[in-house]
Amino acid sequence: MKGDRQAQFELYRLYSKAMYNICLRMLRNDMDAEDLLQNSFVDIYGKINTFRFQSSIGAWIKRIVINNCINFLKKRRLEVVTLENQHDDRWDESEKEMVDLPLKVKDIKCAISQLPDGYRMVFNLYTMEGYDHKEIAEILEVSEATSKSQYSRAKKRLREMLKERIA
């Protein structure tokens, strides 16, 4: 908060790798992820005086990084299909089949990175970052039903892609 360069470097050292991974998952591009990470830390240093100790500094940083990723994607016209249908989180039969498939982490990461932006964004926020659909809806400025449907469609598309890889 006092502008100490060593303290800023330490904050960057502690959080940059995890925040870069978030950027990479959300943006799917190394250069965009690196640029956004750097811009996020400039924002963090500029906004550090607004940190109110209501959460951990890591959670506060993560929120800034995620918001910057979302804003970046919105500028690139992130398309989220609006559907007002109900969503059922229970596993269907095709998901039960997936449990026994011989999958590798790299295959799953690759498949996630190939999802359309809207699907990938909701999927990552829900499964990787731990946001619930209400929070995702607020962040993306969509309805909760849209968040749920995007998540459901992302899971369906991932199943299809992973089955293709194994076949």
C-alpha atoms as a PDB file:
ATOM      1  CA  MET A   1       0.000   0.000   0.000  1.00  0.00           C
ATOM      2  CA  LYS A   2       3.020   2.260   0.496  1.00  0.00           C
ATOM      3  CA  GLY A   3       4.309   1.600  -3.040  1.00  0.00           C
ATOM      4  CA  ASP A   4       7.239  -0.538  -1.862  1.00  0.00           C
ATOM      5  CA  ARG A   5       8.680  -2.164  -5.016  1.00  0.00           C
ATOM      6  CA  GLN A   6      10.064  -5.137  -3.084  1.00  0.00           C
ATOM      7  CA  ALA A   7       6.642  -5.819  -1.553  1.00  0.00           C
ATOM      8  CA  GLN A   8       5.047  -5.571  -5.016  1.00  0.00           C
ATOM      9  CA  PHE A   9       7.574  -8.047  -6.400  1.00  0.00           C
ATOM     10  CA  GLU A  10       6.873 -10.435  -3.524  1.00  0.00           C
ATOM     11  CA  LEU A  11       3.124 -10.234  -4.182  1.00  0.00           C
ATOM     12  CA  TYR A  12       3.789 -10.978  -7.859  1.00  0.00           C
ATOM     13  CA  ARG A  13       6.134 -13.852  -7.004  1.00  0.00           C
ATOM     14  CA  LEU A  14       3.579 -15.444  -4.690  1.00  0.00           C
ATOM     15  CA  TYR A  15       0.550 -15.208  -6.986  1.00  0.00           C
ATOM     16  CA  SER A  16       1.687 -14.863 -10.602  1.00  0.00           C
ATOM     17  CA  LYS A  17       1.877 -18.574 -11.482  1.00  0.00           C
ATOM     18  CA  ALA A  18      -1.594 -19.394 -10.189  1.00  0.00           C
ATOM     19  CA  MET A  19      -3.067 -16.274 -11.806  1.00  0.00           C
ATOM     20  CA  TYR A  20      -1.328 -17.049 -15.107  1.00  0.00           C
ATOM     21  CA  ASN A  21      -2.923 -20.509 -15.073  1.00  0.00           C
ATOM     22  CA  ILE A  22      -6.344 -18.913 -14.599  1.00  0.00           C
ATOM     23  CA  CYS A  23      -5.681 -16.547 -17.500  1.00  0.00           C
ATOM     24  CA  LEU A  24      -4.495 -19.379 -19.719  1.00  0.00           C
ATOM     25  CA  ARG A  25      -7.523 -21.548 -18.927  1.00  0.00           C
ATOM     26  CA  MET A  26      -9.884 -18.712 -19.674  1.00  0.00           C
ATOM     27  CA  LEU A  27      -8.177 -17.172 -22.707  1.00  0.00           C
ATOM     28  CA  ARG A  28      -6.564 -20.219 -24.384  1.00  0.00           C
ATOM     29  CA  ASN A  29      -3.640 -18.178 -25.665  1.00  0.00           C
ATOM     30  CA  ASP A  30      -0.189 -17.837 -24.071  1.00  0.00           C
ATOM     31  CA  MET A  31       0.458 -14.296 -25.247  1.00  0.00           C
ATOM     32  CA  ASP A  32      -2.993 -13.027 -24.264  1.00  0.00           C
ATOM     33  CA  ALA A  33      -2.633 -14.740 -20.868  1.00  0.00           C
ATOM     34  CA  GLU A  34       0.781 -13.151 -20.277  1.00  0.00           C
ATOM     35  CA  ASP A  35      -0.436  -9.697 -21.314  1.00  0.00           C
ATOM     36  CA  LEU A  36      -3.548  -9.956 -19.197  1.00  0.00           C
ATOM     37  CA  LEU A  37      -1.539 -11.167 -16.199  1.00  0.00           C
ATOM     38  CA  GLN A  38       0.770  -8.157 -16.441  1.00  0.00           C
ATOM     39  CA  ASN A  39      -2.151  -5.751 -16.868  1.00  0.00           C
ATOM     40  CA  SER A  40      -3.900  -7.359 -13.918  1.00  0.00           C
ATOM     41  CA  PHE A  41      -0.922  -6.810 -11.655  1.00  0.00           C
ATOM     42  CA  VAL A  42      -0.726  -3.175 -12.764  1.00  0.00           C
ATOM     43  CA  ASP A  43      -4.411  -2.930 -11.767  1.00  0.00           C
ATOM     44  CA  ILE A  44      -3.720  -4.718  -8.480  1.00  0.00           C
ATOM     45  CA  TYR A  45      -0.914  -2.346  -7.555  1.00  0.00           C
ATOM     46  CA  GLY A  46      -3.088   0.620  -8.544  1.00  0.00           C
ATOM     47  CA  LYS A  47      -6.075  -0.624  -6.543  1.00  0.00           C
ATOM     48  CA  ILE A  48      -4.254  -2.031  -3.508  1.00  0.00           C
ATOM     49  CA  ASN A  49      -5.569   0.842  -1.388  1.00  0.00           C
ATOM     50  CA  THR A  50      -9.111  -0.438  -2.006  1.00  0.00           C
ATOM     51  CA  PHE A  51      -8.343  -3.838  -0.459  1.00  0.00           C
ATOM     52  CA  ARG A  52     -10.436  -3.976   2.738  1.00  0.00           C
ATOM     53  CA  PHE A  53      -9.241  -7.259   4.286  1.00  0.00           C
ATOM     54  CA  GLN A  54     -12.728  -8.781   3.934  1.00  0.00           C
ATOM     55  CA  SER A  55     -11.161 -11.783   2.189  1.00  0.00           C
ATOM     56  CA  SER A  56      -7.653 -13.062   1.649  1.00  0.00           C
ATOM     57  CA  ILE A  57      -5.367 -11.040  -0.589  1.00  0.00           C
ATOM     58  CA  GLY A  58      -5.206 -14.076  -2.895  1.00  0.00           C
ATOM     59  CA  ALA A  59      -8.979 -14.171  -3.318  1.00  0.00           C
ATOM     60  CA  TRP A  60      -9.002 -10.433  -4.014  1.00  0.00           C
ATOM     61  CA  ILE A  61      -6.255 -10.798  -6.645  1.00  0.00           C
ATOM     62  CA  LYS A  62      -8.035 -13.778  -8.211  1.00  0.00           C
ATOM     63  CA  ARG A  63     -11.248 -11.762  -8.528  1.00  0.00           C
ATOM     64  CA  ILE A  64      -9.404  -8.939 -10.324  1.00  0.00           C
ATOM     65  CA  VAL A  65      -7.716 -11.394 -12.691  1.00  0.00           C
ATOM     66  CA  ILE A  66     -10.980 -13.213 -13.482  1.00  0.00           C
ATOM     67  CA  ASN A  67     -12.815  -9.932 -14.037  1.00  0.00           C
ATOM     68  CA  ASN A  68     -10.034  -8.789 -16.387  1.00  0.00           C
ATOM     69  CA  CYS A  69     -10.274 -12.081 -18.311  1.00  0.00           C
ATOM     70  CA  ILE A  70     -14.018 -11.692 -18.629  1.00  0.00           C
ATOM     71  CA  ASN A  71     -13.702  -8.090 -19.783  1.00  0.00           C
ATOM     72  CA  PHE A  72     -11.077  -9.130 -22.326  1.00  0.00           C
ATOM     73  CA  LEU A  73     -13.351 -11.827 -23.717  1.00  0.00           C
ATOM     74  CA  LYS A  74     -16.340  -9.478 -23.751  1.00  0.00           C
ATOM     75  CA  LYS A  75     -14.328  -7.076 -25.869  1.00  0.00           C
ATOM     76  CA  ARG A  76     -13.782  -9.964 -28.262  1.00  0.00           C
ATOM     77  CA  ARG A  77     -17.551 -10.467 -28.209  1.00  0.00           C
ATOM     78  CA  LEU A  78     -17.945 -13.461 -25.959  1.00  0.00           C
ATOM     79  CA  GLU A  79     -21.167 -15.075 -27.076  1.00  0.00           C
ATOM     80  CA  VAL A  80     -23.319 -16.762 -24.504  1.00  0.00           C
ATOM     81  CA  VAL A  81     -26.443 -18.474 -25.766  1.00  0.00           C
ATOM     82  CA  THR A  82     -29.424 -17.506 -23.637  1.00  0.00           C
ATOM     83  CA  LEU A  83     -31.734 -20.367 -22.742  1.00  0.00           C
ATOM     84  CA  GLU A  84     -34.280 -20.150 -20.008  1.00  0.00           C
ATOM     85  CA  ASN A  85     -34.766 -23.897 -19.596  1.00  0.00           C
ATOM     86  CA  GLN A  86     -34.243 -25.765 -16.380  1.00  0.00           C
ATOM     87  CA  HIS A  87     -30.978 -27.557 -15.708  1.00  0.00           C
ATOM     88  CA  ASP A  88     -30.497 -30.813 -13.893  1.00  0.00           C
ATOM     89  CA  ASP A  89     -27.081 -31.353 -12.265  1.00  0.00           C
ATOM     90  CA  ARG A  90     -27.627 -35.080 -11.789  1.00  0.00           C
ATOM     91  CA  TRP A  91     -25.448 -37.370 -13.831  1.00  0.00           C
ATOM     92  CA  ASP A  92     -27.050 -38.840 -16.896  1.00  0.00           C
ATOM     93  CA  GLU A  93     -26.117 -42.240 -18.326  1.00  0.00           C
ATOM     94  CA  SER A  94     -23.497 -40.840 -20.733  1.00  0.00           C
ATOM     95  CA  GLU A  95     -21.629 -39.215 -17.804  1.00  0.00           C
ATOM     96  CA  LYS A  96     -21.604 -42.502 -15.897  1.00  0.00           C
ATOM     97  CA  GLU A  97     -19.996 -44.106 -18.944  1.00  0.00           C
ATOM     98  CA  MET A  98     -17.218 -41.481 -18.909  1.00  0.00           C
ATOM     99  CA  VAL A  99     -16.053 -42.468 -15.423  1.00  0.00           C
ATOM    100  CA  ASP A 100     -14.483 -45.678 -16.711  1.00  0.00           C
ATOM    101  CA  LEU A 101     -12.784 -44.199 -19.784  1.00  0.00           C
ATOM    102  CA  PRO A 102      -8.955 -44.090 -19.814  1.00  0.00           C
ATOM    103  CA  LEU A 103      -8.474 -40.308 -19.926  1.00  0.00           C
ATOM    104  CA  LYS A 104      -5.315 -38.286 -19.426  1.00  0.00           C
ATOM    105  CA  VAL A 105      -5.211 -34.830 -17.856  1.00  0.00           C
ATOM    106  CA  LYS A 106      -3.651 -33.350 -21.005  1.00  0.00           C
ATOM    107  CA  ASP A 107      -6.542 -34.720 -23.093  1.00  0.00           C
ATOM    108  CA  ILE A 108      -9.071 -33.134 -20.772  1.00  0.00           C
ATOM    109  CA  LYS A 109      -7.211 -29.790 -20.747  1.00  0.00           C
ATOM    110  CA  CYS A 110      -6.991 -29.856 -24.527  1.00  0.00           C
ATOM    111  CA  ALA A 111     -10.703 -30.580 -24.863  1.00  0.00           C
ATOM    112  CA  ILE A 112     -11.595 -27.774 -22.438  1.00  0.00           C
ATOM    113  CA  SER A 113      -9.434 -25.344 -24.409  1.00  0.00           C
ATOM    114  CA  GLN A 114     -11.367 -26.226 -27.582  1.00  0.00           C
ATOM    115  CA  LEU A 115     -14.750 -25.321 -26.125  1.00  0.00           C
ATOM    116  CA  PRO A 116     -16.403 -22.166 -27.490  1.00  0.00           C
ATOM    117  CA  ASP A 117     -15.621 -19.100 -25.351  1.00  0.00           C
ATOM    118  CA  GLY A 118     -19.004 -18.968 -23.590  1.00  0.00           C
ATOM    119  CA  TYR A 119     -19.001 -22.653 -22.697  1.00  0.00           C
ATOM    120  CA  ARG A 120     -15.355 -22.593 -21.593  1.00  0.00           C
ATOM    121  CA  MET A 121     -15.834 -19.485 -19.465  1.00  0.00           C
ATOM    122  CA  VAL A 122     -18.796 -20.907 -17.546  1.00  0.00           C
ATOM    123  CA  PHE A 123     -17.200 -24.353 -17.260  1.00  0.00           C
ATOM    124  CA  ASN A 124     -13.953 -22.922 -15.853  1.00  0.00           C
ATOM    125  CA  LEU A 125     -15.672 -20.551 -13.454  1.00  0.00           C
ATOM    126  CA  TYR A 126     -17.903 -23.342 -12.136  1.00  0.00           C
ATOM    127  CA  THR A 127     -15.563 -26.336 -12.030  1.00  0.00           C
ATOM    128  CA  MET A 128     -12.106 -24.800 -11.693  1.00  0.00           C
ATOM    129  CA  GLU A 129     -12.716 -21.577  -9.791  1.00  0.00           C
ATOM    130  CA  GLY A 130     -15.597 -22.764  -7.616  1.00  0.00           C
ATOM    131  CA  TYR A 131     -18.155 -20.080  -8.418  1.00  0.00           C
ATOM    132  CA  ASP A 132     -21.828 -21.052  -8.254  1.00  0.00           C
ATOM    133  CA  HIS A 133     -24.258 -20.306 -11.063  1.00  0.00           C
ATOM    134  CA  LYS A 134     -25.674 -17.248  -9.333  1.00  0.00           C
ATOM    135  CA  GLU A 135     -22.199 -15.711  -9.044  1.00  0.00           C
ATOM    136  CA  ILE A 136     -21.354 -16.633 -12.643  1.00  0.00           C
ATOM    137  CA  ALA A 137     -24.590 -15.044 -13.815  1.00  0.00           C
ATOM    138  CA  GLU A 138     -23.686 -11.812 -12.029  1.00  0.00           C
ATOM    139  CA  ILE A 139     -20.104 -11.821 -13.346  1.00  0.00           C
ATOM    140  CA  LEU A 140     -21.108 -12.500 -16.960  1.00  0.00           C
ATOM    141  CA  GLU A 141     -24.287 -10.406 -16.761  1.00  0.00           C
ATOM    142  CA  VAL A 142     -26.519 -13.284 -17.889  1.00  0.00           C
ATOM    143  CA  SER A 143     -29.332 -15.158 -16.204  1.00  0.00           C
ATOM    144  CA  GLU A 144     -28.647 -18.013 -13.823  1.00  0.00           C
ATOM    145  CA  ALA A 145     -30.480 -20.334 -16.233  1.00  0.00           C
ATOM    146  CA  THR A 146     -28.103 -19.282 -19.006  1.00  0.00           C
ATOM    147  CA  SER A 147     -25.109 -20.107 -16.817  1.00  0.00           C
ATOM    148  CA  LYS A 148     -26.574 -23.522 -16.060  1.00  0.00           C
ATOM    149  CA  SER A 149     -27.374 -24.248 -19.688  1.00  0.00           C
ATOM    150  CA  GLN A 150     -23.914 -23.166 -20.833  1.00  0.00           C
ATOM    151  CA  TYR A 151     -22.380 -25.459 -18.212  1.00  0.00           C
ATOM    152  CA  SER A 152     -24.600 -28.341 -19.298  1.00  0.00           C
ATOM    153  CA  ARG A 153     -23.740 -27.804 -22.954  1.00  0.00           C
ATOM    154  CA  ALA A 154     -20.024 -27.565 -22.106  1.00  0.00           C
ATOM    155  CA  LYS A 155     -20.168 -30.918 -20.296  1.00  0.00           C
ATOM    156  CA  LYS A 156     -22.007 -32.500 -23.217  1.00  0.00           C
ATOM    157  CA  ARG A 157     -19.497 -31.161 -25.740  1.00  0.00           C
ATOM    158  CA  LEU A 158     -16.563 -32.296 -23.568  1.00  0.00           C
ATOM    159  CA  ARG A 159     -18.022 -35.815 -23.387  1.00  0.00           C
ATOM    160  CA  GLU A 160     -18.321 -35.894 -27.167  1.00  0.00           C
ATOM    161  CA  MET A 161     -14.758 -34.649 -27.715  1.00  0.00           C
ATOM    162  CA  LEU A 162     -13.268 -37.047 -25.156  1.00  0.00           C
ATOM    163  CA  LYS A 163     -15.147 -40.021 -26.584  1.00  0.00           C
ATOM    164  CA  GLU A 164     -13.786 -39.113 -30.031  1.00  0.00           C
ATOM    165  CA  ARG A 165     -10.230 -39.068 -28.663  1.00  0.00           C
ATOM    166  CA  ILE A 166     -10.600 -42.546 -27.209  1.00  0.00           C
ATOM    167  CA  ALA A 167     -12.397 -44.069 -30.186  1.00  0.00           C
END
